[in-house]
Amino acid sequence: MVKQTTDILSGNILEEDTRLTLRQLSDACSVRAEYIIELVDEGFIEPSGIERSHWCFNGITLKRVQTAQRLQRDLGINLAGVALAIELIEEIDTLRARLERM
């Protein structure tokens, strides 16, 4: 008799209405909070809330931080280059979505 095993994957769909604290975002991206703060200081991501203790980030920010990490790690791009690259990637995604609707 053959024994079969099934692996189950679970996850959450993150959208604009998803709210993450600074700690949740840094934990989800496996980075220090200081890295997230640096991204905010550079204007790369924008939290809602004025005080750091009240910052909230949306689900799209999670994707941006993860992409920034990959670009820096894999290509050695600095934050200014990362910001430009992600802006271009997001523009391409927008144009692709418009083409699909045609």
N, C-alpha and C. Protein backbone atom coordinates (compact mmCIF):
# COMPACT_ATOMS: atom_id res chain seq x y z
N MET A 1 0.84 -1.17 0.00
CA MET A 1 0.00 0.00 0.00
C MET A 1 0.89 1.25 0.00
N VAL A 2 0.55 2.22 -0.81
CA VAL A 2 1.32 3.45 -0.94
C VAL A 2 0.71 4.51 -0.03
N LYS A 3 1.55 5.10 0.75
CA LYS A 3 1.09 6.18 1.64
C LYS A 3 1.33 7.52 0.96
N GLN A 4 0.28 8.31 0.85
CA GLN A 4 0.39 9.62 0.22
C GLN A 4 0.35 10.70 1.30
N THR A 5 1.17 11.69 1.11
CA THR A 5 1.13 12.84 2.01
C THR A 5 0.72 14.07 1.23
N THR A 6 0.06 14.94 1.89
CA THR A 6 -0.39 16.17 1.25
C THR A 6 0.18 17.35 2.02
N ASP A 7 0.84 18.22 1.30
CA ASP A 7 1.33 19.45 1.90
C ASP A 7 0.28 20.53 1.72
N ILE A 8 0.01 21.25 2.76
CA ILE A 8 -0.99 22.31 2.70
C ILE A 8 -0.28 23.64 2.89
N LEU A 9 -0.51 24.51 1.95
CA LEU A 9 0.02 25.87 2.03
C LEU A 9 -1.11 26.80 2.41
N SER A 10 -0.82 27.75 3.24
CA SER A 10 -1.82 28.75 3.57
C SER A 10 -1.19 30.12 3.44
N GLY A 11 -2.01 31.11 3.25
CA GLY A 11 -1.51 32.46 3.10
C GLY A 11 -2.63 33.46 3.21
N ASN A 12 -2.26 34.70 3.18
CA ASN A 12 -3.23 35.79 3.23
C ASN A 12 -3.06 36.65 2.00
N ILE A 13 -4.17 37.09 1.46
CA ILE A 13 -4.14 38.02 0.34
C ILE A 13 -4.06 39.42 0.93
N LEU A 14 -3.02 40.14 0.54
CA LEU A 14 -2.82 41.48 1.07
C LEU A 14 -3.23 42.51 0.04
N GLU A 15 -4.07 43.42 0.45
CA GLU A 15 -4.55 44.45 -0.44
C GLU A 15 -4.35 45.80 0.21
N GLU A 16 -4.87 46.80 -0.44
CA GLU A 16 -4.71 48.16 0.07
C GLU A 16 -5.34 48.33 1.44
N ASP A 17 -6.44 47.63 1.72
CA ASP A 17 -7.12 47.82 3.00
C ASP A 17 -6.50 47.02 4.14
N THR A 18 -5.48 46.22 3.85
CA THR A 18 -4.75 45.51 4.89
C THR A 18 -3.89 46.52 5.65
N ARG A 19 -3.88 46.44 6.96
CA ARG A 19 -3.10 47.37 7.77
C ARG A 19 -2.05 46.60 8.56
N LEU A 20 -0.81 47.07 8.48
CA LEU A 20 0.30 46.46 9.19
C LEU A 20 1.01 47.52 10.03
N THR A 21 1.36 47.17 11.25
CA THR A 21 2.15 48.08 12.07
C THR A 21 3.60 48.00 11.60
N LEU A 22 4.43 48.88 12.13
CA LEU A 22 5.86 48.86 11.80
C LEU A 22 6.46 47.50 12.16
N ARG A 23 6.13 46.99 13.31
CA ARG A 23 6.66 45.68 13.74
C ARG A 23 6.16 44.56 12.84
N GLN A 24 4.87 44.57 12.51
CA GLN A 24 4.32 43.52 11.64
C GLN A 24 4.98 43.55 10.27
N LEU A 25 5.19 44.74 9.73
CA LEU A 25 5.82 44.87 8.42
C LEU A 25 7.26 44.39 8.47
N SER A 26 8.00 44.79 9.48
CA SER A 26 9.39 44.35 9.57
C SER A 26 9.48 42.85 9.80
N ASP A 27 8.57 42.29 10.59
CA ASP A 27 8.55 40.83 10.80
C ASP A 27 8.20 40.10 9.51
N ALA A 28 7.20 40.60 8.79
CA ALA A 28 6.76 39.94 7.55
C ALA A 28 7.86 39.95 6.49
N CYS A 29 8.69 40.99 6.50
CA CYS A 29 9.77 41.11 5.52
C CYS A 29 11.10 40.59 6.05
N SER A 30 11.12 40.15 7.29
CA SER A 30 12.34 39.66 7.94
C SER A 30 13.47 40.69 7.90
N VAL A 31 13.10 41.93 8.22
CA VAL A 31 14.09 43.02 8.29
C VAL A 31 13.93 43.73 9.63
N ARG A 32 14.95 44.49 9.99
CA ARG A 32 14.87 45.31 11.19
C ARG A 32 13.95 46.50 10.94
N ALA A 33 13.35 47.00 12.00
CA ALA A 33 12.49 48.18 11.90
C ALA A 33 13.27 49.37 11.35
N GLU A 34 14.56 49.44 11.64
CA GLU A 34 15.39 50.55 11.16
C GLU A 34 15.42 50.60 9.63
N TYR A 35 15.38 49.43 8.97
CA TYR A 35 15.36 49.39 7.51
C TYR A 35 14.06 50.01 6.99
N ILE A 36 12.94 49.68 7.62
CA ILE A 36 11.64 50.26 7.23
C ILE A 36 11.67 51.77 7.46
N ILE A 37 12.21 52.20 8.58
CA ILE A 37 12.31 53.63 8.88
C ILE A 37 13.15 54.34 7.83
N GLU A 38 14.23 53.71 7.41
CA GLU A 38 15.08 54.29 6.36
C GLU A 38 14.29 54.44 5.05
N LEU A 39 13.48 53.45 4.72
CA LEU A 39 12.66 53.53 3.50
C LEU A 39 11.64 54.66 3.60
N VAL A 40 11.09 54.86 4.80
CA VAL A 40 10.16 55.98 5.01
C VAL A 40 10.90 57.30 4.88
N ASP A 41 12.07 57.41 5.51
CA ASP A 41 12.86 58.64 5.45
C ASP A 41 13.25 59.00 4.02
N GLU A 42 13.49 58.00 3.19
CA GLU A 42 13.84 58.22 1.79
C GLU A 42 12.62 58.53 0.93
N GLY A 43 11.41 58.41 1.50
CA GLY A 43 10.20 58.66 0.74
C GLY A 43 9.78 57.49 -0.14
N PHE A 44 10.40 56.35 0.07
CA PHE A 44 10.12 55.17 -0.74
C PHE A 44 8.77 54.55 -0.38
N ILE A 45 8.46 54.54 0.91
CA ILE A 45 7.15 54.09 1.38
C ILE A 45 6.59 55.16 2.30
N GLU A 46 5.27 55.17 2.44
CA GLU A 46 4.63 56.22 3.22
C GLU A 46 3.64 55.60 4.20
N PRO A 47 3.90 55.78 5.49
CA PRO A 47 2.97 55.24 6.48
C PRO A 47 1.80 56.20 6.70
N SER A 48 0.71 55.66 7.22
CA SER A 48 -0.32 56.54 7.73
C SER A 48 -0.04 56.69 9.22
N GLY A 49 -0.31 57.85 9.74
CA GLY A 49 0.03 58.12 11.14
C GLY A 49 1.27 58.99 11.22
N ILE A 50 1.31 59.85 12.21
CA ILE A 50 2.41 60.80 12.34
C ILE A 50 3.55 60.23 13.19
N GLU A 51 3.22 59.71 14.34
CA GLU A 51 4.22 59.15 15.25
C GLU A 51 4.58 57.73 14.83
N ARG A 52 5.85 57.37 14.96
CA ARG A 52 6.29 56.01 14.60
C ARG A 52 5.49 54.95 15.34
N SER A 53 5.13 55.23 16.56
CA SER A 53 4.37 54.25 17.35
C SER A 53 2.96 54.03 16.80
N HIS A 54 2.50 54.94 15.94
CA HIS A 54 1.16 54.83 15.36
C HIS A 54 1.19 54.57 13.85
N TRP A 55 2.36 54.33 13.29
CA TRP A 55 2.46 54.08 11.85
C TRP A 55 1.69 52.83 11.47
N CYS A 56 1.01 52.92 10.33
CA CYS A 56 0.35 51.77 9.71
C CYS A 56 0.73 51.77 8.24
N PHE A 57 0.88 50.58 7.69
CA PHE A 57 1.24 50.41 6.29
C PHE A 57 0.21 49.51 5.64
N ASN A 58 -0.03 49.72 4.34
CA ASN A 58 -0.99 48.86 3.64
C ASN A 58 -0.27 47.65 3.03
N GLY A 59 -1.06 46.73 2.51
CA GLY A 59 -0.51 45.50 1.94
C GLY A 59 0.39 45.74 0.75
N ILE A 60 0.13 46.79 -0.01
CA ILE A 60 0.97 47.10 -1.18
C ILE A 60 2.38 47.48 -0.72
N THR A 61 2.47 48.12 0.43
CA THR A 61 3.78 48.48 0.98
C THR A 61 4.62 47.24 1.25
N LEU A 62 3.99 46.18 1.70
CA LEU A 62 4.70 44.92 1.95
C LEU A 62 5.37 44.44 0.67
N LYS A 63 4.64 44.48 -0.42
CA LYS A 63 5.21 44.05 -1.71
C LYS A 63 6.37 44.96 -2.12
N ARG A 64 6.23 46.27 -1.90
CA ARG A 64 7.30 47.20 -2.27
C ARG A 64 8.57 46.96 -1.46
N VAL A 65 8.41 46.71 -0.17
CA VAL A 65 9.57 46.46 0.68
C VAL A 65 10.26 45.16 0.26
N GLN A 66 9.48 44.13 -0.01
CA GLN A 66 10.07 42.86 -0.44
C GLN A 66 10.80 43.01 -1.77
N THR A 67 10.23 43.78 -2.69
CA THR A 67 10.89 44.02 -3.97
C THR A 67 12.18 44.82 -3.77
N ALA A 68 12.13 45.82 -2.89
CA ALA A 68 13.33 46.61 -2.59
C ALA A 68 14.43 45.72 -2.03
N GLN A 69 14.07 44.83 -1.14
CA GLN A 69 15.05 43.90 -0.57
C GLN A 69 15.71 43.06 -1.65
N ARG A 70 14.90 42.50 -2.55
CA ARG A 70 15.44 41.65 -3.62
C ARG A 70 16.37 42.44 -4.53
N LEU A 71 15.97 43.64 -4.90
CA LEU A 71 16.81 44.46 -5.78
C LEU A 71 18.14 44.80 -5.11
N GLN A 72 18.09 45.15 -3.85
CA GLN A 72 19.34 45.47 -3.14
C GLN A 72 20.21 44.24 -2.96
N ARG A 73 19.60 43.13 -2.59
CA ARG A 73 20.37 41.91 -2.35
C ARG A 73 20.92 41.31 -3.64
N ASP A 74 20.07 41.18 -4.65
CA ASP A 74 20.47 40.48 -5.88
C ASP A 74 21.30 41.34 -6.82
N LEU A 75 20.99 42.64 -6.88
CA LEU A 75 21.65 43.50 -7.85
C LEU A 75 22.55 44.56 -7.21
N GLY A 76 22.50 44.68 -5.90
CA GLY A 76 23.35 45.66 -5.23
C GLY A 76 22.96 47.10 -5.51
N ILE A 77 21.68 47.34 -5.77
CA ILE A 77 21.20 48.68 -6.09
C ILE A 77 21.00 49.49 -4.81
N ASN A 78 21.39 50.77 -4.83
CA ASN A 78 21.15 51.63 -3.67
C ASN A 78 19.68 52.05 -3.62
N LEU A 79 19.28 52.73 -2.54
CA LEU A 79 17.86 53.07 -2.37
C LEU A 79 17.32 53.97 -3.47
N ALA A 80 18.12 54.90 -3.96
CA ALA A 80 17.65 55.77 -5.06
C ALA A 80 17.38 54.93 -6.30
N GLY A 81 18.26 54.00 -6.60
CA GLY A 81 18.07 53.11 -7.74
C GLY A 81 16.89 52.18 -7.55
N VAL A 82 16.71 51.72 -6.33
CA VAL A 82 15.57 50.85 -6.02
C VAL A 82 14.26 51.61 -6.25
N ALA A 83 14.20 52.85 -5.78
CA ALA A 83 12.99 53.65 -5.96
C ALA A 83 12.66 53.83 -7.44
N LEU A 84 13.66 54.12 -8.24
CA LEU A 84 13.45 54.28 -9.68
C LEU A 84 13.02 52.97 -10.32
N ALA A 85 13.69 51.89 -9.98
CA ALA A 85 13.36 50.58 -10.56
C ALA A 85 11.93 50.17 -10.22
N ILE A 86 11.53 50.37 -8.99
CA ILE A 86 10.17 49.97 -8.59
C ILE A 86 9.13 50.86 -9.24
N GLU A 87 9.43 52.13 -9.38
CA GLU A 87 8.51 53.03 -10.08
C GLU A 87 8.30 52.54 -11.52
N LEU A 88 9.37 52.14 -12.18
CA LEU A 88 9.26 51.62 -13.55
C LEU A 88 8.53 50.28 -13.59
N ILE A 89 8.80 49.41 -12.65
CA ILE A 89 8.11 48.12 -12.58
C ILE A 89 6.62 48.32 -12.39
N GLU A 90 6.24 49.24 -11.50
CA GLU A 90 4.82 49.51 -11.25
C GLU A 90 4.16 50.12 -12.48
N GLU A 91 4.88 50.97 -13.20
CA GLU A 91 4.34 51.56 -14.44
C GLU A 91 4.11 50.47 -15.48
N ILE A 92 5.04 49.54 -15.60
CA ILE A 92 4.88 48.42 -16.54
C ILE A 92 3.66 47.59 -16.15
N ASP A 93 3.50 47.31 -14.86
CA ASP A 93 2.34 46.54 -14.39
C ASP A 93 1.03 47.25 -14.73
N THR A 94 1.01 48.57 -14.56
CA THR A 94 -0.18 49.36 -14.88
C THR A 94 -0.49 49.28 -16.38
N LEU A 95 0.53 49.43 -17.20
CA LEU A 95 0.33 49.36 -18.65
C LEU A 95 -0.13 47.97 -19.09
N ARG A 96 0.42 46.93 -18.49
CA ARG A 96 -0.01 45.56 -18.81
C ARG A 96 -1.48 45.36 -18.45
N ALA A 97 -1.88 45.87 -17.31
CA ALA A 97 -3.28 45.75 -16.89
C ALA A 97 -4.19 46.48 -17.87
N ARG A 98 -3.77 47.65 -18.34
CA ARG A 98 -4.57 48.38 -19.33
C ARG A 98 -4.67 47.62 -20.63
N LEU A 99 -3.57 46.99 -21.05
CA LEU A 99 -3.59 46.20 -22.29
C LEU A 99 -4.53 45.00 -22.17
N GLU A 100 -4.55 44.37 -21.02
CA GLU A 100 -5.42 43.21 -20.81
C GLU A 100 -6.89 43.59 -20.87
N ARG A 101 -7.22 44.81 -20.49
CA ARG A 101 -8.61 45.26 -20.53
C ARG A 101 -9.07 45.61 -21.93
N MET A 102 -8.14 45.77 -22.86
CA MET A 102 -8.50 46.16 -24.23
C MET A 102 -9.07 45.00 -25.00
